[in-house]
Amino acid sequence: MSSVNIQDILKLPIEERIELVEAIWDSIAASPESLPVTEAQKRELDRRLAEHRATPQSGKRWEEIRDSLDKNT
């Protein structure tokens, strides 16, 4: 790790810390291929894909999900 002092970061105003986190996250999201996927995650993704292919009608449209989330807020 470089010479960034975590204690100095924690002293920043909350808005600046949020901006810093967003910048860090954006830099991570810019290269998703560098994030390793574990074997367990691969198995789970394969399981979900197989389930969807077997019963595609069991899924829900985005509008349904959004509406149910709106009801809970």
Protein backbone atom coordinates (compact mmCIF):
# COMPACT_ATOMS: atom_id res chain seq x y z
CA MET A 1 0.00 0.00 0.00
CA SER A 2 1.20 3.50 -0.70
CA SER A 3 1.88 6.16 1.88
CA VAL A 4 -1.80 7.07 2.36
CA ASN A 5 -2.54 7.57 6.02
CA ILE A 6 -5.89 6.05 6.94
CA GLN A 7 -6.17 8.27 10.00
CA ASP A 8 -5.90 11.35 7.77
CA ILE A 9 -8.65 10.00 5.55
CA LEU A 10 -10.90 9.41 8.55
CA LYS A 11 -10.46 13.06 9.53
CA LEU A 12 -11.91 14.25 6.21
CA PRO A 13 -15.46 15.60 6.19
CA ILE A 14 -18.04 12.93 5.41
CA GLU A 15 -18.75 14.38 1.95
CA GLU A 16 -15.09 14.07 0.99
CA ARG A 17 -14.88 10.53 2.35
CA ILE A 18 -17.93 9.59 0.29
CA GLU A 19 -16.33 11.11 -2.81
CA LEU A 20 -13.16 9.14 -2.08
CA VAL A 21 -15.10 5.89 -1.70
CA GLU A 22 -16.95 6.57 -4.95
CA ALA A 23 -13.68 7.23 -6.76
CA ILE A 24 -12.16 4.04 -5.38
CA TRP A 25 -15.25 2.01 -6.30
CA ASP A 26 -15.32 3.48 -9.81
CA SER A 27 -11.68 2.50 -10.28
CA ILE A 28 -12.47 -1.07 -9.20
CA ALA A 29 -15.58 -1.28 -11.39
CA ALA A 30 -13.58 -0.05 -14.38
CA SER A 31 -11.67 -3.33 -14.50
CA PRO A 32 -14.02 -6.11 -13.37
CA GLU A 33 -11.83 -8.71 -15.03
CA SER A 34 -9.28 -8.16 -12.30
CA LEU A 35 -11.73 -9.27 -9.61
CA PRO A 36 -11.37 -12.98 -9.04
CA VAL A 37 -14.48 -15.15 -8.91
CA THR A 38 -14.22 -18.03 -6.49
CA GLU A 39 -15.19 -21.56 -7.42
CA ALA A 40 -18.13 -21.32 -5.02
CA GLN A 41 -19.33 -18.16 -6.77
CA LYS A 42 -18.96 -19.83 -10.17
CA ARG A 43 -21.00 -22.81 -8.98
CA GLU A 44 -23.71 -20.51 -7.63
CA LEU A 45 -23.85 -18.54 -10.88
CA ASP A 46 -24.06 -21.79 -12.85
CA ARG A 47 -26.83 -23.04 -10.55
CA ARG A 48 -28.84 -19.84 -10.97
CA LEU A 49 -28.40 -19.85 -14.73
CA ALA A 50 -29.49 -23.48 -14.95
CA GLU A 51 -32.52 -22.73 -12.77
CA HIS A 52 -33.47 -19.80 -14.98
CA ARG A 53 -33.08 -21.84 -18.15
CA ALA A 54 -35.18 -24.65 -16.69
CA THR A 55 -38.00 -22.35 -15.58
CA PRO A 56 -37.63 -18.91 -17.17
CA GLN A 57 -41.21 -18.03 -16.24
CA SER A 58 -40.27 -18.19 -12.55
CA GLY A 59 -38.30 -14.97 -12.87
CA LYS A 60 -39.79 -11.54 -12.28
CA ARG A 61 -39.67 -8.51 -14.50
CA TRP A 62 -37.80 -5.44 -13.24
CA GLU A 63 -41.06 -3.51 -12.94
CA GLU A 64 -42.43 -6.11 -10.50
CA ILE A 65 -39.29 -5.98 -8.38
CA ARG A 66 -39.24 -2.18 -8.38
CA ASP A 67 -42.92 -1.98 -7.45
CA SER A 68 -42.46 -4.40 -4.55
CA LEU A 69 -39.48 -2.37 -3.33
CA ASP A 70 -41.48 0.84 -3.58
CA LYS A 71 -44.20 -0.68 -1.39
CA ASN A 72 -41.63 -1.44 1.31
CA THR A 73 -40.35 2.13 1.56
